Amino acid sequence: MASEQTYSITQLAREFDVTPRAIRFYEDQGLLKPARSGRTRVYSKADRTRLKLTLRGKRLGLSLAQIKELLEMHGGVRNSAPQLRQFLLVLAERRAALEQQREDIVGLLSEIDSLEKQCSELLGHDPGRAAEERAEVVRQARTGA
């Protein structure tokens, strides 16, 4: 009987380019449930999959609570209808939030364009000086000075 593939925390950290501390944090949050061999954590193939899904969820901007809820719905049944419906709901909420952020950014950029134009017009009596002033403002914004 072949034994199941297992992984150390170091192997998973290296594979997914995260720190062992991050993996322990996900374990503390109940997202991973490794077995123990003495004081050593032994991660199963299922733990590896849960870590992969956790990191994907984080990349999508999901909260750990949302990720945990989705993982717990899995219950060993891959692509179950309730899990897929819940995932679609979470994705729709995330999409709506990102669309709102995009609208906010477009509005702010428009406002910045308008303010830059007003400032340039006020400095318009000396176009060379206006260009210098704008370059200085940009330089300060980039350096945080």
N, C-alpha and C. Protein backbone atom coordinates (compact mmCIF):
# COMPACT_ATOMS: atom_id res chain seq x y z
N MET A 1 0.83 -1.18 0.00
CA MET A 1 0.00 0.00 0.00
C MET A 1 0.88 1.24 0.00
N ALA A 2 0.73 2.07 -1.00
CA ALA A 2 1.55 3.27 -1.12
C ALA A 2 1.06 4.33 -0.15
N SER A 3 2.01 5.01 0.48
CA SER A 3 1.62 6.06 1.42
C SER A 3 1.31 7.34 0.65
N GLU A 4 0.45 8.15 1.24
CA GLU A 4 0.03 9.40 0.63
C GLU A 4 1.19 10.38 0.58
N GLN A 5 1.25 11.18 -0.48
CA GLN A 5 2.27 12.21 -0.63
C GLN A 5 2.12 13.22 0.51
N THR A 6 3.23 13.54 1.17
CA THR A 6 3.21 14.55 2.22
C THR A 6 4.27 15.61 1.92
N TYR A 7 4.12 16.74 2.61
CA TYR A 7 5.00 17.88 2.38
C TYR A 7 5.40 18.49 3.71
N SER A 8 6.59 19.04 3.74
CA SER A 8 7.02 19.79 4.92
C SER A 8 6.62 21.24 4.74
N ILE A 9 6.66 21.99 5.81
CA ILE A 9 6.33 23.41 5.73
C ILE A 9 7.32 24.13 4.81
N THR A 10 8.58 23.70 4.85
CA THR A 10 9.61 24.30 4.00
C THR A 10 9.33 24.05 2.53
N GLN A 11 8.91 22.81 2.20
CA GLN A 11 8.60 22.49 0.81
C GLN A 11 7.45 23.35 0.30
N LEU A 12 6.39 23.46 1.10
CA LEU A 12 5.24 24.27 0.67
C LEU A 12 5.60 25.74 0.56
N ALA A 13 6.36 26.23 1.52
CA ALA A 13 6.78 27.64 1.50
C ALA A 13 7.57 27.93 0.23
N ARG A 14 8.48 27.03 -0.11
CA ARG A 14 9.29 27.21 -1.30
C ARG A 14 8.43 27.11 -2.57
N GLU A 15 7.56 26.11 -2.63
CA GLU A 15 6.73 25.91 -3.82
C GLU A 15 5.82 27.10 -4.11
N PHE A 16 5.22 27.67 -3.05
CA PHE A 16 4.24 28.74 -3.24
C PHE A 16 4.81 30.12 -2.98
N ASP A 17 6.10 30.19 -2.72
CA ASP A 17 6.80 31.46 -2.49
C ASP A 17 6.13 32.27 -1.38
N VAL A 18 5.91 31.60 -0.25
CA VAL A 18 5.40 32.25 0.96
C VAL A 18 6.32 31.86 2.11
N THR A 19 6.19 32.56 3.20
CA THR A 19 7.03 32.24 4.35
C THR A 19 6.39 31.12 5.18
N PRO A 20 7.21 30.36 5.88
CA PRO A 20 6.64 29.38 6.81
C PRO A 20 5.71 30.04 7.83
N ARG A 21 6.03 31.26 8.20
CA ARG A 21 5.18 31.99 9.15
C ARG A 21 3.78 32.20 8.58
N ALA A 22 3.70 32.52 7.28
CA ALA A 22 2.38 32.70 6.63
C ALA A 22 1.60 31.39 6.67
N ILE A 23 2.28 30.29 6.41
CA ILE A 23 1.61 28.98 6.44
C ILE A 23 1.11 28.68 7.86
N ARG A 24 1.93 28.98 8.86
CA ARG A 24 1.49 28.76 10.25
C ARG A 24 0.31 29.66 10.58
N PHE A 25 0.30 30.88 10.06
CA PHE A 25 -0.82 31.79 10.27
C PHE A 25 -2.10 31.20 9.67
N TYR A 26 -2.01 30.70 8.44
CA TYR A 26 -3.19 30.07 7.82
C TYR A 26 -3.65 28.87 8.63
N GLU A 27 -2.71 28.16 9.21
CA GLU A 27 -3.07 27.04 10.09
C GLU A 27 -3.81 27.56 11.33
N ASP A 28 -3.30 28.61 11.94
CA ASP A 28 -3.95 29.22 13.12
C ASP A 28 -5.36 29.69 12.80
N GLN A 29 -5.59 30.12 11.56
CA GLN A 29 -6.90 30.60 11.13
C GLN A 29 -7.84 29.45 10.75
N GLY A 30 -7.35 28.23 10.82
CA GLY A 30 -8.17 27.07 10.53
C GLY A 30 -8.27 26.73 9.05
N LEU A 31 -7.42 27.33 8.23
CA LEU A 31 -7.45 27.07 6.79
C LEU A 31 -6.68 25.80 6.44
N LEU A 32 -5.68 25.47 7.23
CA LEU A 32 -4.87 24.27 7.03
C LEU A 32 -4.91 23.44 8.31
N LYS A 33 -4.87 22.12 8.14
CA LYS A 33 -4.93 21.24 9.30
C LYS A 33 -3.91 20.11 9.14
N PRO A 34 -2.63 20.45 9.28
CA PRO A 34 -1.61 19.42 9.08
C PRO A 34 -1.59 18.42 10.23
N ALA A 35 -1.13 17.23 9.90
CA ALA A 35 -0.91 16.22 10.94
C ALA A 35 0.40 16.57 11.63
N ARG A 36 0.67 15.91 12.71
CA ARG A 36 1.92 16.14 13.45
C ARG A 36 2.68 14.84 13.57
N SER A 37 3.97 14.95 13.44
CA SER A 37 4.87 13.84 13.73
C SER A 37 5.84 14.41 14.75
N GLY A 38 5.51 14.21 16.04
CA GLY A 38 6.25 14.89 17.09
C GLY A 38 5.90 16.36 17.03
N ARG A 39 6.92 17.21 16.86
CA ARG A 39 6.68 18.65 16.76
C ARG A 39 6.66 19.12 15.30
N THR A 40 6.87 18.20 14.38
CA THR A 40 6.93 18.54 12.97
C THR A 40 5.55 18.49 12.33
N ARG A 41 5.25 19.52 11.56
CA ARG A 41 3.99 19.56 10.81
C ARG A 41 4.16 18.71 9.55
N VAL A 42 3.16 17.90 9.26
CA VAL A 42 3.17 17.08 8.06
C VAL A 42 1.92 17.44 7.26
N TYR A 43 2.14 18.02 6.09
CA TYR A 43 1.04 18.50 5.27
C TYR A 43 0.69 17.45 4.21
N SER A 44 -0.60 17.20 4.06
CA SER A 44 -1.09 16.24 3.09
C SER A 44 -1.31 16.93 1.74
N LYS A 45 -1.68 16.11 0.76
CA LYS A 45 -2.03 16.66 -0.55
C LYS A 45 -3.23 17.60 -0.43
N ALA A 46 -4.18 17.25 0.46
CA ALA A 46 -5.35 18.12 0.68
C ALA A 46 -4.92 19.45 1.29
N ASP A 47 -3.96 19.44 2.21
CA ASP A 47 -3.45 20.69 2.79
C ASP A 47 -2.79 21.54 1.71
N ARG A 48 -2.04 20.89 0.83
CA ARG A 48 -1.39 21.61 -0.26
C ARG A 48 -2.45 22.28 -1.14
N THR A 49 -3.51 21.55 -1.46
CA THR A 49 -4.60 22.10 -2.27
C THR A 49 -5.27 23.27 -1.55
N ARG A 50 -5.52 23.11 -0.24
CA ARG A 50 -6.14 24.18 0.53
C ARG A 50 -5.25 25.42 0.56
N LEU A 51 -3.93 25.23 0.67
CA LEU A 51 -3.02 26.38 0.64
C LEU A 51 -3.06 27.05 -0.73
N LYS A 52 -3.07 26.26 -1.78
CA LYS A 52 -3.14 26.81 -3.13
C LYS A 52 -4.42 27.62 -3.31
N LEU A 53 -5.54 27.09 -2.85
CA LEU A 53 -6.82 27.80 -2.97
C LEU A 53 -6.85 29.04 -2.09
N THR A 54 -6.23 28.96 -0.92
CA THR A 54 -6.15 30.12 -0.02
C THR A 54 -5.38 31.25 -0.69
N LEU A 55 -4.25 30.92 -1.27
CA LEU A 55 -3.44 31.94 -1.93
C LEU A 55 -4.15 32.51 -3.15
N ARG A 56 -4.87 31.68 -3.87
CA ARG A 56 -5.66 32.16 -5.01
C ARG A 56 -6.75 33.12 -4.53
N GLY A 57 -7.42 32.75 -3.44
CA GLY A 57 -8.45 33.62 -2.87
C GLY A 57 -7.88 34.95 -2.42
N LYS A 58 -6.70 34.93 -1.79
CA LYS A 58 -6.06 36.17 -1.37
C LYS A 58 -5.74 37.04 -2.59
N ARG A 59 -5.26 36.41 -3.67
CA ARG A 59 -4.94 37.14 -4.89
C ARG A 59 -6.19 37.79 -5.48
N LEU A 60 -7.33 37.14 -5.31
CA LEU A 60 -8.60 37.70 -5.78
C LEU A 60 -9.13 38.79 -4.85
N GLY A 61 -8.50 38.93 -3.68
CA GLY A 61 -8.93 39.95 -2.73
C GLY A 61 -9.98 39.47 -1.76
N LEU A 62 -10.15 38.16 -1.62
CA LEU A 62 -11.13 37.62 -0.68
C LEU A 62 -10.57 37.68 0.73
N SER A 63 -11.46 37.82 1.69
CA SER A 63 -11.03 37.79 3.08
C SER A 63 -10.75 36.35 3.50
N LEU A 64 -10.00 36.19 4.57
CA LEU A 64 -9.74 34.83 5.06
C LEU A 64 -11.03 34.15 5.49
N ALA A 65 -11.98 34.92 6.02
CA ALA A 65 -13.27 34.35 6.42
C ALA A 65 -14.01 33.80 5.19
N GLN A 66 -13.98 34.55 4.09
CA GLN A 66 -14.63 34.08 2.87
C GLN A 66 -13.95 32.82 2.34
N ILE A 67 -12.63 32.84 2.36
CA ILE A 67 -11.87 31.68 1.88
C ILE A 67 -12.18 30.46 2.74
N LYS A 68 -12.20 30.66 4.05
CA LYS A 68 -12.47 29.55 4.96
C LYS A 68 -13.87 28.98 4.71
N GLU A 69 -14.84 29.86 4.53
CA GLU A 69 -16.21 29.40 4.26
C GLU A 69 -16.27 28.55 3.00
N LEU A 70 -15.59 29.00 1.96
CA LEU A 70 -15.58 28.23 0.71
C LEU A 70 -14.86 26.90 0.87
N LEU A 71 -13.75 26.91 1.59
CA LEU A 71 -13.02 25.66 1.81
C LEU A 71 -13.83 24.67 2.63
N GLU A 72 -14.54 25.17 3.63
CA GLU A 72 -15.32 24.28 4.48
C GLU A 72 -16.53 23.71 3.75
N MET A 73 -17.03 24.44 2.76
CA MET A 73 -18.15 23.93 1.97
C MET A 73 -17.71 22.78 1.08
N HIS A 74 -16.43 22.74 0.78
CA HIS A 74 -15.90 21.73 -0.13
C HIS A 74 -16.22 20.33 0.37
N GLY A 75 -15.95 20.06 1.63
CA GLY A 75 -16.30 18.79 2.27
C GLY A 75 -15.93 17.55 1.49
N GLY A 76 -14.87 17.60 0.71
CA GLY A 76 -14.43 16.43 -0.03
C GLY A 76 -15.14 16.24 -1.36
N VAL A 77 -16.21 17.01 -1.61
CA VAL A 77 -16.92 16.89 -2.88
C VAL A 77 -16.45 18.01 -3.78
N ARG A 78 -15.82 17.64 -4.87
CA ARG A 78 -15.26 18.65 -5.77
C ARG A 78 -16.37 19.27 -6.62
N ASN A 79 -16.36 20.59 -6.68
CA ASN A 79 -17.30 21.34 -7.53
C ASN A 79 -18.76 21.05 -7.21
N SER A 80 -19.09 20.97 -5.93
CA SER A 80 -20.48 20.77 -5.55
C SER A 80 -21.29 22.01 -5.89
N ALA A 81 -22.56 21.82 -6.18
CA ALA A 81 -23.41 22.94 -6.59
C ALA A 81 -23.47 24.05 -5.53
N PRO A 82 -23.68 23.74 -4.24
CA PRO A 82 -23.72 24.82 -3.25
C PRO A 82 -22.41 25.61 -3.18
N GLN A 83 -21.30 24.89 -3.28
CA GLN A 83 -20.00 25.55 -3.23
C GLN A 83 -19.83 26.47 -4.45
N LEU A 84 -20.21 25.98 -5.61
CA LEU A 84 -20.07 26.79 -6.82
C LEU A 84 -20.98 28.01 -6.78
N ARG A 85 -22.20 27.84 -6.27
CA ARG A 85 -23.11 28.99 -6.16
C ARG A 85 -22.54 30.03 -5.20
N GLN A 86 -22.02 29.58 -4.08
CA GLN A 86 -21.45 30.50 -3.10
C GLN A 86 -20.23 31.21 -3.68
N PHE A 87 -19.41 30.47 -4.41
CA PHE A 87 -18.23 31.06 -5.03
C PHE A 87 -18.64 32.12 -6.05
N LEU A 88 -19.68 31.84 -6.84
CA LEU A 88 -20.17 32.84 -7.80
C LEU A 88 -20.66 34.09 -7.08
N LEU A 89 -21.32 33.92 -5.96
CA LEU A 89 -21.79 35.06 -5.18
C LEU A 89 -20.61 35.89 -4.67
N VAL A 90 -19.62 35.23 -4.13
CA VAL A 90 -18.42 35.92 -3.62
C VAL A 90 -17.72 36.65 -4.76
N LEU A 91 -17.59 35.99 -5.91
CA LEU A 91 -16.95 36.63 -7.06
C LEU A 91 -17.73 37.84 -7.54
N ALA A 92 -19.05 37.74 -7.55
CA ALA A 92 -19.89 38.87 -7.98
C ALA A 92 -19.70 40.06 -7.03
N GLU A 93 -19.64 39.78 -5.73
CA GLU A 93 -19.42 40.86 -4.75
C GLU A 93 -18.05 41.49 -4.95
N ARG A 94 -17.04 40.67 -5.19
CA ARG A 94 -15.68 41.18 -5.40
C ARG A 94 -15.62 42.02 -6.67
N ARG A 95 -16.28 41.53 -7.74
CA ARG A 95 -16.31 42.27 -9.00
C ARG A 95 -16.96 43.64 -8.80
N ALA A 96 -18.07 43.68 -8.08
CA ALA A 96 -18.78 44.94 -7.84
C ALA A 96 -17.88 45.92 -7.09
N ALA A 97 -17.16 45.42 -6.09
CA ALA A 97 -16.26 46.28 -5.32
C ALA A 97 -15.14 46.83 -6.21
N LEU A 98 -14.58 45.97 -7.06
CA LEU A 98 -13.51 46.42 -7.95
C LEU A 98 -14.02 47.41 -9.00
N GLU A 99 -15.23 47.17 -9.51
CA GLU A 99 -15.82 48.12 -10.48
C GLU A 99 -16.02 49.49 -9.82
N GLN A 100 -16.46 49.49 -8.57
CA GLN A 100 -16.64 50.76 -7.86
C GLN A 100 -15.31 51.46 -7.66
N GLN A 101 -14.27 50.68 -7.31
CA GLN A 101 -12.94 51.26 -7.16
C GLN A 101 -12.46 51.86 -8.47
N ARG A 102 -12.72 51.15 -9.58
CA ARG A 102 -12.31 51.65 -10.88
C ARG A 102 -13.01 52.98 -11.18
N GLU A 103 -14.32 53.06 -10.92
CA GLU A 103 -15.07 54.30 -11.15
C GLU A 103 -14.50 55.42 -10.28
N ASP A 104 -14.18 55.10 -9.03
CA ASP A 104 -13.61 56.11 -8.13
C ASP A 104 -12.27 56.61 -8.66
N ILE A 105 -11.44 55.69 -9.15
CA ILE A 105 -10.13 56.07 -9.67
C ILE A 105 -10.27 56.94 -10.91
N VAL A 106 -11.17 56.57 -11.82
CA VAL A 106 -11.39 57.36 -13.03
C VAL A 106 -11.85 58.78 -12.64
N GLY A 107 -12.74 58.87 -11.66
CA GLY A 107 -13.21 60.18 -11.20
C GLY A 107 -12.08 61.01 -10.60
N LEU A 108 -11.26 60.37 -9.78
CA LEU A 108 -10.14 61.09 -9.18
C LEU A 108 -9.12 61.54 -10.22
N LEU A 109 -8.84 60.69 -11.20
CA LEU A 109 -7.90 61.08 -12.25
C LEU A 109 -8.44 62.25 -13.06
N SER A 110 -9.73 62.26 -13.29
CA SER A 110 -10.36 63.38 -14.00
C SER A 110 -10.22 64.67 -13.19
N GLU A 111 -10.43 64.56 -11.89
CA GLU A 111 -10.29 65.73 -11.02
C GLU A 111 -8.84 66.22 -11.02
N ILE A 112 -7.89 65.30 -10.98
CA ILE A 112 -6.48 65.68 -11.02
C ILE A 112 -6.16 66.38 -12.34
N ASP A 113 -6.67 65.85 -13.46
CA ASP A 113 -6.46 66.49 -14.77
C ASP A 113 -6.96 67.93 -14.74
N SER A 114 -8.15 68.12 -14.17
CA SER A 114 -8.75 69.45 -14.12
C SER A 114 -7.90 70.40 -13.26
N LEU A 115 -7.46 69.92 -12.12
CA LEU A 115 -6.64 70.76 -11.24
C LEU A 115 -5.30 71.09 -11.87
N GLU A 116 -4.71 70.11 -12.56
CA GLU A 116 -3.43 70.36 -13.24
C GLU A 116 -3.62 71.42 -14.33
N LYS A 117 -4.72 71.32 -15.04
CA LYS A 117 -5.00 72.29 -16.11
C LYS A 117 -5.15 73.70 -15.52
N GLN A 118 -5.92 73.80 -14.41
CA GLN A 118 -6.12 75.10 -13.77
C GLN A 118 -4.79 75.68 -13.32
N CYS A 119 -3.97 74.85 -12.69
CA CYS A 119 -2.66 75.33 -12.21
C CYS A 119 -1.79 75.76 -13.38
N SER A 120 -1.78 74.98 -14.45
CA SER A 120 -0.97 75.32 -15.63
C SER A 120 -1.44 76.64 -16.23
N GLU A 121 -2.76 76.84 -16.27
CA GLU A 121 -3.29 78.09 -16.81
C GLU A 121 -2.89 79.27 -15.94
N LEU A 122 -2.90 79.08 -14.62
CA LEU A 122 -2.49 80.16 -13.72
C LEU A 122 -1.01 80.49 -13.88
N LEU A 123 -0.21 79.48 -14.21
CA LEU A 123 1.21 79.71 -14.44
C LEU A 123 1.50 80.00 -15.91
N GLY A 124 0.46 80.08 -16.72
CA GLY A 124 0.58 80.21 -18.17
C GLY A 124 1.33 81.41 -18.68
N HIS A 125 1.43 82.47 -17.87
CA HIS A 125 2.14 83.65 -18.33
C HIS A 125 3.62 83.35 -18.58
N ASP A 126 4.13 82.25 -18.00
CA ASP A 126 5.52 81.83 -18.21
C ASP A 126 5.52 80.31 -18.43
N PRO A 127 5.30 79.88 -19.69
CA PRO A 127 5.18 78.44 -19.97
C PRO A 127 6.39 77.62 -19.51
N GLY A 128 7.57 78.18 -19.62
CA GLY A 128 8.78 77.46 -19.17
C GLY A 128 8.74 77.24 -17.67
N ARG A 129 8.34 78.25 -16.96
CA ARG A 129 8.23 78.15 -15.50
C ARG A 129 7.12 77.16 -15.12
N ALA A 130 6.02 77.15 -15.88
CA ALA A 130 4.92 76.22 -15.60
C ALA A 130 5.39 74.78 -15.74
N ALA A 131 6.19 74.51 -16.79
CA ALA A 131 6.71 73.15 -16.99
C ALA A 131 7.64 72.76 -15.85
N GLU A 132 8.48 73.70 -15.39
CA GLU A 132 9.38 73.44 -14.28
C GLU A 132 8.59 73.14 -13.00
N GLU A 133 7.57 73.96 -12.77
CA GLU A 133 6.73 73.76 -11.57
C GLU A 133 6.05 72.40 -11.60
N ARG A 134 5.51 72.03 -12.75
CA ARG A 134 4.82 70.74 -12.87
C ARG A 134 5.82 69.60 -12.63
N ALA A 135 7.00 69.70 -13.22
CA ALA A 135 8.02 68.66 -13.04
C ALA A 135 8.41 68.55 -11.57
N GLU A 136 8.51 69.68 -10.89
CA GLU A 136 8.86 69.67 -9.46
C GLU A 136 7.75 69.01 -8.64
N VAL A 137 6.50 69.32 -8.97
CA VAL A 137 5.37 68.71 -8.26
C VAL A 137 5.38 67.20 -8.46
N VAL A 138 5.62 66.76 -9.69
CA VAL A 138 5.68 65.32 -9.99
C VAL A 138 6.82 64.67 -9.21
N ARG A 139 7.98 65.35 -9.20
CA ARG A 139 9.15 64.83 -8.47
C ARG A 139 8.83 64.69 -6.98
N GLN A 140 8.18 65.68 -6.40
CA GLN A 140 7.83 65.64 -4.98
C GLN A 140 6.82 64.53 -4.69
N ALA A 141 5.87 64.36 -5.60
CA ALA A 141 4.86 63.32 -5.40
C ALA A 141 5.49 61.94 -5.42
N ARG A 142 6.46 61.74 -6.27
CA ARG A 142 7.12 60.43 -6.37
C ARG A 142 8.02 60.13 -5.18
N THR A 143 8.65 61.16 -4.63
CA THR A 143 9.57 60.94 -3.52
C THR A 143 8.88 61.09 -2.17
N GLY A 144 7.67 61.58 -2.18
CA GLY A 144 6.93 61.75 -0.94
C GLY A 144 7.42 62.93 -0.13
N ALA A 145 8.20 63.80 -0.76
CA ALA A 145 8.74 64.97 -0.04
C ALA A 145 7.76 66.10 0.03
